[in-house]
Amino acid sequence: MRPQRQGLLLQLIVCRPDAAGELCRSWTNSYPTARRISQLLSRTRAALGRPDEAIGLMTDVVARRERGLGPEHPFTVAGRRLLDTYRPDRR
């Protein structure tokens, strides 16, 4: 993805998280882009003090990455680590 588009997506995620979630669901066939957006959206939700939503989104990202890339792929492992930071009992 071109840097300009990434910047626009990040602005959308920060300013309109619900619209970003809808966009992500519409891009289900574009695996890397949809997972990247979901991960950014989960980080935004966590930063806004909505950890339950962040956990739900990141759980989906990790599950899809495990199925698509395998459990030991670096993106899967990184997603799992990020998910652990959202859970207060696992810090």
PDB file of N, CA and C in Angstrom:
ATOM      1  N   MET A   1       0.841  -1.176   0.000  1.00  0.00           N
ATOM      2  CA  MET A   1       0.000   0.000   0.000  1.00  0.00           C
ATOM      3  C   MET A   1       0.886   1.239   0.000  1.00  0.00           C
ATOM      4  N   ARG A   2       0.518   2.211  -0.802  1.00  0.00           N
ATOM      5  CA  ARG A   2       1.303   3.434  -0.901  1.00  0.00           C
ATOM      6  C   ARG A   2       1.199   4.251   0.395  1.00  0.00           C
ATOM      7  N   PRO A   3       2.289   4.945   0.776  1.00  0.00           N
ATOM      8  CA  PRO A   3       2.281   5.726   2.024  1.00  0.00           C
ATOM      9  C   PRO A   3       1.138   6.726   2.116  1.00  0.00           C
ATOM     10  N   GLN A   4       0.782   7.358   0.994  1.00  0.00           N
ATOM     11  CA  GLN A   4      -0.302   8.330   1.018  1.00  0.00           C
ATOM     12  C   GLN A   4      -1.615   7.659   1.428  1.00  0.00           C
ATOM     13  N   ARG A   5      -1.881   6.479   0.889  1.00  0.00           N
ATOM     14  CA  ARG A   5      -3.103   5.762   1.252  1.00  0.00           C
ATOM     15  C   ARG A   5      -3.063   5.319   2.706  1.00  0.00           C
ATOM     16  N   GLN A   6      -1.900   4.884   3.177  1.00  0.00           N
ATOM     17  CA  GLN A   6      -1.793   4.484   4.576  1.00  0.00           C
ATOM     18  C   GLN A   6      -2.121   5.659   5.485  1.00  0.00           C
ATOM     19  N   GLY A   7      -1.637   6.851   5.134  1.00  0.00           N
ATOM     20  CA  GLY A   7      -1.924   8.041   5.929  1.00  0.00           C
ATOM     21  C   GLY A   7      -3.409   8.351   5.960  1.00  0.00           C
ATOM     22  N   LEU A   8      -4.063   8.228   4.831  1.00  0.00           N
ATOM     23  CA  LEU A   8      -5.501   8.469   4.775  1.00  0.00           C
ATOM     24  C   LEU A   8      -6.269   7.447   5.596  1.00  0.00           C
ATOM     25  N   LEU A   9      -5.848   6.184   5.520  1.00  0.00           N
ATOM     26  CA  LEU A   9      -6.509   5.157   6.319  1.00  0.00           C
ATOM     27  C   LEU A   9      -6.328   5.419   7.803  1.00  0.00           C
ATOM     28  N   LEU A  10      -5.141   5.831   8.194  1.00  0.00           N
ATOM     29  CA  LEU A  10      -4.887   6.124   9.601  1.00  0.00           C
ATOM     30  C   LEU A  10      -5.762   7.279  10.072  1.00  0.00           C
ATOM     31  N   GLN A  11      -5.913   8.309   9.246  1.00  0.00           N
ATOM     32  CA  GLN A  11      -6.793   9.418   9.604  1.00  0.00           C
ATOM     33  C   GLN A  11      -8.228   8.946   9.752  1.00  0.00           C
ATOM     34  N   LEU A  12      -8.674   8.091   8.871  1.00  0.00           N
ATOM     35  CA  LEU A  12     -10.025   7.554   8.947  1.00  0.00           C
ATOM     36  C   LEU A  12     -10.205   6.754  10.229  1.00  0.00           C
ATOM     37  N   ILE A  13      -9.222   5.931  10.579  1.00  0.00           N
ATOM     38  CA  ILE A  13      -9.308   5.103  11.770  1.00  0.00           C
ATOM     39  C   ILE A  13      -9.406   5.972  13.022  1.00  0.00           C
ATOM     40  N   VAL A  14      -8.616   7.021  13.084  1.00  0.00           N
ATOM     41  CA  VAL A  14      -8.611   7.883  14.261  1.00  0.00           C
ATOM     42  C   VAL A  14      -9.883   8.724  14.334  1.00  0.00           C
ATOM     43  N   CYS A  15     -10.294   9.302  13.210  1.00  0.00           N
ATOM     44  CA  CYS A  15     -11.430  10.222  13.213  1.00  0.00           C
ATOM     45  C   CYS A  15     -12.789   9.521  13.160  1.00  0.00           C
ATOM     46  N   ARG A  16     -12.857   8.433  12.436  1.00  0.00           N
ATOM     47  CA  ARG A  16     -14.132   7.736  12.254  1.00  0.00           C
ATOM     48  C   ARG A  16     -13.940   6.235  12.412  1.00  0.00           C
ATOM     49  N   PRO A  17     -13.695   5.754  13.647  1.00  0.00           N
ATOM     50  CA  PRO A  17     -13.405   4.328  13.825  1.00  0.00           C
ATOM     51  C   PRO A  17     -14.515   3.396  13.336  1.00  0.00           C
ATOM     52  N   ASP A  18     -15.775   3.831  13.434  1.00  0.00           N
ATOM     53  CA  ASP A  18     -16.857   2.974  12.959  1.00  0.00           C
ATOM     54  C   ASP A  18     -16.821   2.834  11.435  1.00  0.00           C
ATOM     55  N   ALA A  19     -16.527   3.942  10.747  1.00  0.00           N
ATOM     56  CA  ALA A  19     -16.415   3.885   9.288  1.00  0.00           C
ATOM     57  C   ALA A  19     -15.229   3.020   8.886  1.00  0.00           C
ATOM     58  N   ALA A  20     -14.138   3.099   9.650  1.00  0.00           N
ATOM     59  CA  ALA A  20     -12.970   2.273   9.343  1.00  0.00           C
ATOM     60  C   ALA A  20     -13.293   0.798   9.510  1.00  0.00           C
ATOM     61  N   GLY A  21     -14.060   0.460  10.535  1.00  0.00           N
ATOM     62  CA  GLY A  21     -14.460  -0.929  10.723  1.00  0.00           C
ATOM     63  C   GLY A  21     -15.304  -1.436   9.570  1.00  0.00           C
ATOM     64  N   GLU A  22     -16.192  -0.596   9.089  1.00  0.00           N
ATOM     65  CA  GLU A  22     -17.030  -0.958   7.938  1.00  0.00           C
ATOM     66  C   GLU A  22     -16.172  -1.142   6.695  1.00  0.00           C
ATOM     67  N   LEU A  23     -15.217  -0.270   6.488  1.00  0.00           N
ATOM     68  CA  LEU A  23     -14.304  -0.380   5.357  1.00  0.00           C
ATOM     69  C   LEU A  23     -13.526  -1.684   5.433  1.00  0.00           C
ATOM     70  N   CYS A  24     -13.062  -2.016   6.618  1.00  0.00           N
ATOM     71  CA  CYS A  24     -12.296  -3.246   6.808  1.00  0.00           C
ATOM     72  C   CYS A  24     -13.135  -4.469   6.462  1.00  0.00           C
ATOM     73  N   ARG A  25     -14.380  -4.481   6.902  1.00  0.00           N
ATOM     74  CA  ARG A  25     -15.251  -5.623   6.592  1.00  0.00           C
ATOM     75  C   ARG A  25     -15.493  -5.748   5.089  1.00  0.00           C
ATOM     76  N   SER A  26     -15.490  -4.616   4.388  1.00  0.00           N
ATOM     77  CA  SER A  26     -15.724  -4.675   2.943  1.00  0.00           C
ATOM     78  C   SER A  26     -14.486  -5.149   2.181  1.00  0.00           C
ATOM     79  N   TRP A  27     -13.323  -5.144   2.835  1.00  0.00           N
ATOM     80  CA  TRP A  27     -12.082  -5.563   2.192  1.00  0.00           C
ATOM     81  C   TRP A  27     -11.658  -6.958   2.606  1.00  0.00           C
ATOM     82  N   THR A  28     -12.591  -7.821   2.879  1.00  0.00           N
ATOM     83  CA  THR A  28     -12.236  -9.148   3.371  1.00  0.00           C
ATOM     84  C   THR A  28     -11.398  -9.940   2.381  1.00  0.00           C
ATOM     85  N   ASN A  29     -11.513  -9.657   1.088  1.00  0.00           N
ATOM     86  CA  ASN A  29     -10.715 -10.389   0.112  1.00  0.00           C
ATOM     87  C   ASN A  29      -9.281  -9.878   0.024  1.00  0.00           C
ATOM     88  N   SER A  30      -9.040  -8.691   0.513  1.00  0.00           N
ATOM     89  CA  SER A  30      -7.699  -8.124   0.515  1.00  0.00           C
ATOM     90  C   SER A  30      -7.072  -8.405   1.878  1.00  0.00           C
ATOM     91  N   TYR A  31      -6.636  -9.624   2.055  1.00  0.00           N
ATOM     92  CA  TYR A  31      -6.201 -10.109   3.363  1.00  0.00           C
ATOM     93  C   TYR A  31      -5.225  -9.196   4.086  1.00  0.00           C
ATOM     94  N   PRO A  32      -4.059  -8.867   3.516  1.00  0.00           N
ATOM     95  CA  PRO A  32      -3.097  -8.064   4.288  1.00  0.00           C
ATOM     96  C   PRO A  32      -3.632  -6.687   4.666  1.00  0.00           C
ATOM     97  N   THR A  33      -4.342  -6.055   3.750  1.00  0.00           N
ATOM     98  CA  THR A  33      -4.877  -4.727   4.018  1.00  0.00           C
ATOM     99  C   THR A  33      -5.929  -4.776   5.115  1.00  0.00           C
ATOM    100  N   ALA A  34      -6.833  -5.721   5.029  1.00  0.00           N
ATOM    101  CA  ALA A  34      -7.893  -5.831   6.034  1.00  0.00           C
ATOM    102  C   ALA A  34      -7.324  -6.122   7.414  1.00  0.00           C
ATOM    103  N   ARG A  35      -6.326  -6.995   7.506  1.00  0.00           N
ATOM    104  CA  ARG A  35      -5.725  -7.306   8.821  1.00  0.00           C
ATOM    105  C   ARG A  35      -4.974  -6.105   9.364  1.00  0.00           C
ATOM    106  N   ARG A  36      -4.290  -5.387   8.484  1.00  0.00           N
ATOM    107  CA  ARG A  36      -3.546  -4.198   8.908  1.00  0.00           C
ATOM    108  C   ARG A  36      -4.517  -3.140   9.452  1.00  0.00           C
ATOM    109  N   ILE A  37      -5.608  -2.929   8.756  1.00  0.00           N
ATOM    110  CA  ILE A  37      -6.596  -1.955   9.200  1.00  0.00           C
ATOM    111  C   ILE A  37      -7.207  -2.399  10.524  1.00  0.00           C
ATOM    112  N   SER A  38      -7.538  -3.662  10.640  1.00  0.00           N
ATOM    113  CA  SER A  38      -8.112  -4.164  11.896  1.00  0.00           C
ATOM    114  C   SER A  38      -7.158  -3.975  13.059  1.00  0.00           C
ATOM    115  N   GLN A  39      -5.881  -4.226  12.819  1.00  0.00           N
ATOM    116  CA  GLN A  39      -4.904  -4.058  13.889  1.00  0.00           C
ATOM    117  C   GLN A  39      -4.788  -2.586  14.286  1.00  0.00           C
ATOM    118  N   LEU A  40      -4.724  -1.678  13.311  1.00  0.00           N
ATOM    119  CA  LEU A  40      -4.677  -0.249  13.618  1.00  0.00           C
ATOM    120  C   LEU A  40      -5.941   0.202  14.351  1.00  0.00           C
ATOM    121  N   LEU A  41      -7.066  -0.322  13.922  1.00  0.00           N
ATOM    122  CA  LEU A  41      -8.324   0.022  14.570  1.00  0.00           C
ATOM    123  C   LEU A  41      -8.346  -0.476  16.013  1.00  0.00           C
ATOM    124  N   SER A  42      -7.809  -1.661  16.252  1.00  0.00           N
ATOM    125  CA  SER A  42      -7.781  -2.180  17.624  1.00  0.00           C
ATOM    126  C   SER A  42      -6.870  -1.328  18.502  1.00  0.00           C
ATOM    127  N   ARG A  43      -5.736  -0.887  17.956  1.00  0.00           N
ATOM    128  CA  ARG A  43      -4.833  -0.020  18.732  1.00  0.00           C
ATOM    129  C   ARG A  43      -5.505   1.315  19.052  1.00  0.00           C
ATOM    130  N   THR A  44      -6.261   1.836  18.094  1.00  0.00           N
ATOM    131  CA  THR A  44      -6.967   3.092  18.314  1.00  0.00           C
ATOM    132  C   THR A  44      -8.029   2.929  19.392  1.00  0.00           C
ATOM    133  N   ARG A  45      -8.775   1.848  19.331  1.00  0.00           N
ATOM    134  CA  ARG A  45      -9.803   1.607  20.348  1.00  0.00           C
ATOM    135  C   ARG A  45      -9.175   1.464  21.731  1.00  0.00           C
ATOM    136  N   ALA A  46      -8.058   0.785  21.824  1.00  0.00           N
ATOM    137  CA  ALA A  46      -7.375   0.634  23.112  1.00  0.00           C
ATOM    138  C   ALA A  46      -6.908   1.993  23.624  1.00  0.00           C
ATOM    139  N   ALA A  47      -6.354   2.810  22.741  1.00  0.00           N
ATOM    140  CA  ALA A  47      -5.867   4.131  23.131  1.00  0.00           C
ATOM    141  C   ALA A  47      -7.004   5.047  23.566  1.00  0.00           C
ATOM    142  N   LEU A  48      -8.192   4.814  23.040  1.00  0.00           N
ATOM    143  CA  LEU A  48      -9.357   5.610  23.416  1.00  0.00           C
ATOM    144  C   LEU A  48     -10.034   5.087  24.677  1.00  0.00           C
ATOM    145  N   GLY A  49      -9.433   4.076  25.301  1.00  0.00           N
ATOM    146  CA  GLY A  49      -9.988   3.532  26.540  1.00  0.00           C
ATOM    147  C   GLY A  49     -11.119   2.546  26.322  1.00  0.00           C
ATOM    148  N   ARG A  50     -11.113   1.871  25.187  1.00  0.00           N
ATOM    149  CA  ARG A  50     -12.148   0.879  24.877  1.00  0.00           C
ATOM    150  C   ARG A  50     -11.487  -0.488  24.671  1.00  0.00           C
ATOM    151  N   PRO A  51     -10.909  -1.039  25.757  1.00  0.00           N
ATOM    152  CA  PRO A  51     -10.138  -2.277  25.622  1.00  0.00           C
ATOM    153  C   PRO A  51     -10.962  -3.486  25.189  1.00  0.00           C
ATOM    154  N   ASP A  52     -12.234  -3.546  25.557  1.00  0.00           N
ATOM    155  CA  ASP A  52     -13.051  -4.692  25.143  1.00  0.00           C
ATOM    156  C   ASP A  52     -13.188  -4.763  23.627  1.00  0.00           C
ATOM    157  N   GLU A  53     -13.387  -3.611  23.003  1.00  0.00           N
ATOM    158  CA  GLU A  53     -13.475  -3.571  21.538  1.00  0.00           C
ATOM    159  C   GLU A  53     -12.124  -3.914  20.915  1.00  0.00           C
ATOM    160  N   ALA A  54     -11.052  -3.401  21.522  1.00  0.00           N
ATOM    161  CA  ALA A  54      -9.704  -3.684  21.008  1.00  0.00           C
ATOM    162  C   ALA A  54      -9.408  -5.175  21.085  1.00  0.00           C
ATOM    163  N   ILE A  55      -9.783  -5.802  22.185  1.00  0.00           N
ATOM    164  CA  ILE A  55      -9.549  -7.243  22.349  1.00  0.00           C
ATOM    165  C   ILE A  55     -10.328  -8.033  21.302  1.00  0.00           C
ATOM    166  N   GLY A  56     -11.578  -7.655  21.072  1.00  0.00           N
ATOM    167  CA  GLY A  56     -12.393  -8.354  20.073  1.00  0.00           C
ATOM    168  C   GLY A  56     -11.790  -8.269  18.674  1.00  0.00           C
ATOM    169  N   LEU A  57     -11.378  -7.084  18.289  1.00  0.00           N
ATOM    170  CA  LEU A  57     -10.775  -6.906  16.961  1.00  0.00           C
ATOM    171  C   LEU A  57      -9.463  -7.669  16.834  1.00  0.00           C
ATOM    172  N   MET A  58      -8.616  -7.555  17.849  1.00  0.00           N
ATOM    173  CA  MET A  58      -7.301  -8.195  17.754  1.00  0.00           C
ATOM    174  C   MET A  58      -7.403  -9.710  17.848  1.00  0.00           C
ATOM    175  N   THR A  59      -8.389 -10.212  18.585  1.00  0.00           N
ATOM    176  CA  THR A  59      -8.609 -11.660  18.633  1.00  0.00           C
ATOM    177  C   THR A  59      -8.929 -12.187  17.242  1.00  0.00           C
ATOM    178  N   ASP A  60      -9.754 -11.444  16.506  1.00  0.00           N
ATOM    179  CA  ASP A  60     -10.095 -11.828  15.139  1.00  0.00           C
ATOM    180  C   ASP A  60      -8.865 -11.773  14.236  1.00  0.00           C
ATOM    181  N   VAL A  61      -8.060 -10.728  14.367  1.00  0.00           N
ATOM    182  CA  VAL A  61      -6.842 -10.599  13.561  1.00  0.00           C
ATOM    183  C   VAL A  61      -5.913 -11.781  13.807  1.00  0.00           C
ATOM    184  N   VAL A  62      -5.680 -12.101  15.078  1.00  0.00           N
ATOM    185  CA  VAL A  62      -4.765 -13.200  15.410  1.00  0.00           C
ATOM    186  C   VAL A  62      -5.303 -14.530  14.889  1.00  0.00           C
ATOM    187  N   ALA A  63      -6.594 -14.764  15.050  1.00  0.00           N
ATOM    188  CA  ALA A  63      -7.181 -16.023  14.571  1.00  0.00           C
ATOM    189  C   ALA A  63      -7.033 -16.149  13.051  1.00  0.00           C
ATOM    190  N   ARG A  64      -7.293 -15.085  12.335  1.00  0.00           N
ATOM    191  CA  ARG A  64      -7.174 -15.126  10.869  1.00  0.00           C
ATOM    192  C   ARG A  64      -5.724 -15.288  10.425  1.00  0.00           C
ATOM    193  N   ARG A  65      -4.820 -14.626  11.143  1.00  0.00           N
ATOM    194  CA  ARG A  65      -3.404 -14.790  10.803  1.00  0.00           C
ATOM    195  C   ARG A  65      -2.926 -16.210  11.096  1.00  0.00           C
ATOM    196  N   GLU A  66      -3.395 -16.798  12.180  1.00  0.00           N
ATOM    197  CA  GLU A  66      -3.010 -18.181  12.480  1.00  0.00           C
ATOM    198  C   GLU A  66      -3.479 -19.124  11.378  1.00  0.00           C
ATOM    199  N   ARG A  67      -4.713 -18.913  10.902  1.00  0.00           N
ATOM    200  CA  ARG A  67      -5.233 -19.764   9.826  1.00  0.00           C
ATOM    201  C   ARG A  67      -4.523 -19.506   8.507  1.00  0.00           C
ATOM    202  N   GLY A  68      -4.269 -18.232   8.201  1.00  0.00           N
ATOM    203  CA  GLY A  68      -3.709 -17.884   6.899  1.00  0.00           C
ATOM    204  C   GLY A  68      -2.199 -17.970   6.810  1.00  0.00           C
ATOM    205  N   LEU A  69      -1.522 -17.627   7.900  1.00  0.00           N
ATOM    206  CA  LEU A  69      -0.060 -17.563   7.858  1.00  0.00           C
ATOM    207  C   LEU A  69       0.625 -18.621   8.716  1.00  0.00           C
ATOM    208  N   GLY A  70      -0.107 -19.160   9.662  1.00  0.00           N
ATOM    209  CA  GLY A  70       0.468 -20.141  10.575  1.00  0.00           C
ATOM    210  C   GLY A  70       0.756 -19.511  11.936  1.00  0.00           C
ATOM    211  N   PRO A  71       0.789 -20.325  12.974  1.00  0.00           N
ATOM    212  CA  PRO A  71       0.949 -19.800  14.338  1.00  0.00           C
ATOM    213  C   PRO A  71       2.321 -19.214  14.641  1.00  0.00           C
ATOM    214  N   GLU A  72       3.338 -19.588  13.890  1.00  0.00           N
ATOM    215  CA  GLU A  72       4.695 -19.111  14.179  1.00  0.00           C
ATOM    216  C   GLU A  72       5.159 -17.974  13.258  1.00  0.00           C
ATOM    217  N   HIS A  73       4.284 -17.541  12.360  1.00  0.00           N
ATOM    218  CA  HIS A  73       4.642 -16.443  11.463  1.00  0.00           C
ATOM    219  C   HIS A  73       4.871 -15.180  12.298  1.00  0.00           C
ATOM    220  N   PRO A  74       5.856 -14.354  11.938  1.00  0.00           N
ATOM    221  CA  PRO A  74       6.149 -13.144  12.714  1.00  0.00           C
ATOM    222  C   PRO A  74       4.946 -12.205  12.897  1.00  0.00           C
ATOM    223  N   PHE A  75       4.082 -12.083  11.885  1.00  0.00           N
ATOM    224  CA  PHE A  75       2.898 -11.220  12.031  1.00  0.00           C
ATOM    225  C   PHE A  75       1.929 -11.798  13.049  1.00  0.00           C
ATOM    226  N   THR A  76       1.785 -13.124  13.051  1.00  0.00           N
ATOM    227  CA  THR A  76       0.905 -13.777  14.016  1.00  0.00           C
ATOM    228  C   THR A  76       1.440 -13.598  15.426  1.00  0.00           C
ATOM    229  N   VAL A  77       2.726 -13.819  15.594  1.00  0.00           N
ATOM    230  CA  VAL A  77       3.348 -13.679  16.916  1.00  0.00           C
ATOM    231  C   VAL A  77       3.230 -12.236  17.411  1.00  0.00           C
ATOM    232  N   ALA A  78       3.488 -11.273  16.529  1.00  0.00           N
ATOM    233  CA  ALA A  78       3.378  -9.859  16.908  1.00  0.00           C
ATOM    234  C   ALA A  78       1.942  -9.507  17.286  1.00  0.00           C
ATOM    235  N   GLY A  79       0.986 -10.032  16.558  1.00  0.00           N
ATOM    236  CA  GLY A  79      -0.419  -9.791  16.879  1.00  0.00           C
ATOM    237  C   GLY A  79      -0.803 -10.374  18.220  1.00  0.00           C
ATOM    238  N   ARG A  80      -0.298 -11.565  18.503  1.00  0.00           N
ATOM    239  CA  ARG A  80      -0.574 -12.205  19.795  1.00  0.00           C
ATOM    240  C   ARG A  80       0.011 -11.381  20.945  1.00  0.00           C
ATOM    241  N   ARG A  81       1.221 -10.864  20.743  1.00  0.00           N
ATOM    242  CA  ARG A  81       1.854 -10.021  21.776  1.00  0.00           C
ATOM    243  C   ARG A  81       1.051  -8.745  22.008  1.00  0.00           C
ATOM    244  N   LEU A  82       0.592  -8.122  20.927  1.00  0.00           N
ATOM    245  CA  LEU A  82      -0.215  -6.921  21.062  1.00  0.00           C
ATOM    246  C   LEU A  82      -1.513  -7.234  21.803  1.00  0.00           C
ATOM    247  N   LEU A  83      -2.131  -8.337  21.470  1.00  0.00           N
ATOM    248  CA  LEU A  83      -3.351  -8.754  22.148  1.00  0.00           C
ATOM    249  C   LEU A  83      -3.110  -8.929  23.646  1.00  0.00           C
ATOM    250  N   ASP A  84      -1.982  -9.494  24.012  1.00  0.00           N
ATOM    251  CA  ASP A  84      -1.651  -9.679  25.427  1.00  0.00           C
ATOM    252  C   ASP A  84      -1.526  -8.353  26.164  1.00  0.00           C
ATOM    253  N   THR A  85      -1.084  -7.298  25.464  1.00  0.00           N
ATOM    254  CA  THR A  85      -0.963  -5.997  26.138  1.00  0.00           C
ATOM    255  C   THR A  85      -2.323  -5.394  26.466  1.00  0.00           C
ATOM    256  N   TYR A  86      -3.374  -5.823  25.774  1.00  0.00           N
ATOM    257  CA  TYR A  86      -4.714  -5.310  26.042  1.00  0.00           C
ATOM    258  C   TYR A  86      -5.354  -5.979  27.254  1.00  0.00           C
ATOM    259  N   ARG A  87      -4.856  -7.123  27.636  1.00  0.00           N
ATOM    260  CA  ARG A  87      -5.459  -7.892  28.728  1.00  0.00           C
ATOM    261  C   ARG A  87      -4.716  -7.618  30.030  1.00  0.00           C
ATOM    262  N   PRO A  88      -5.366  -6.969  30.980  1.00  0.00           N
ATOM    263  CA  PRO A  88      -4.677  -6.596  32.219  1.00  0.00           C
ATOM    264  C   PRO A  88      -4.165  -7.807  33.015  1.00  0.00           C
ATOM    265  N   ASP A  89      -4.838  -8.924  32.912  1.00  0.00           N
ATOM    266  CA  ASP A  89      -4.412 -10.115  33.653  1.00  0.00           C
ATOM    267  C   ASP A  89      -3.197 -10.789  33.052  1.00  0.00           C
ATOM    268  N   ARG A  90      -2.752 -10.363  31.857  1.00  0.00           N
ATOM    269  CA  ARG A  90      -1.625 -11.013  31.189  1.00  0.00           C
ATOM    270  C   ARG A  90      -0.434 -10.093  30.993  1.00  0.00           C
ATOM    271  N   ARG A  91      -0.456  -8.932  31.617  1.00  0.00           N
ATOM    272  CA  ARG A  91       0.658  -7.979  31.484  1.00  0.00           C
ATOM    273  C   ARG A  91       1.803  -8.381  32.366  1.00  0.00           C
TER     274      ARG A  91
END
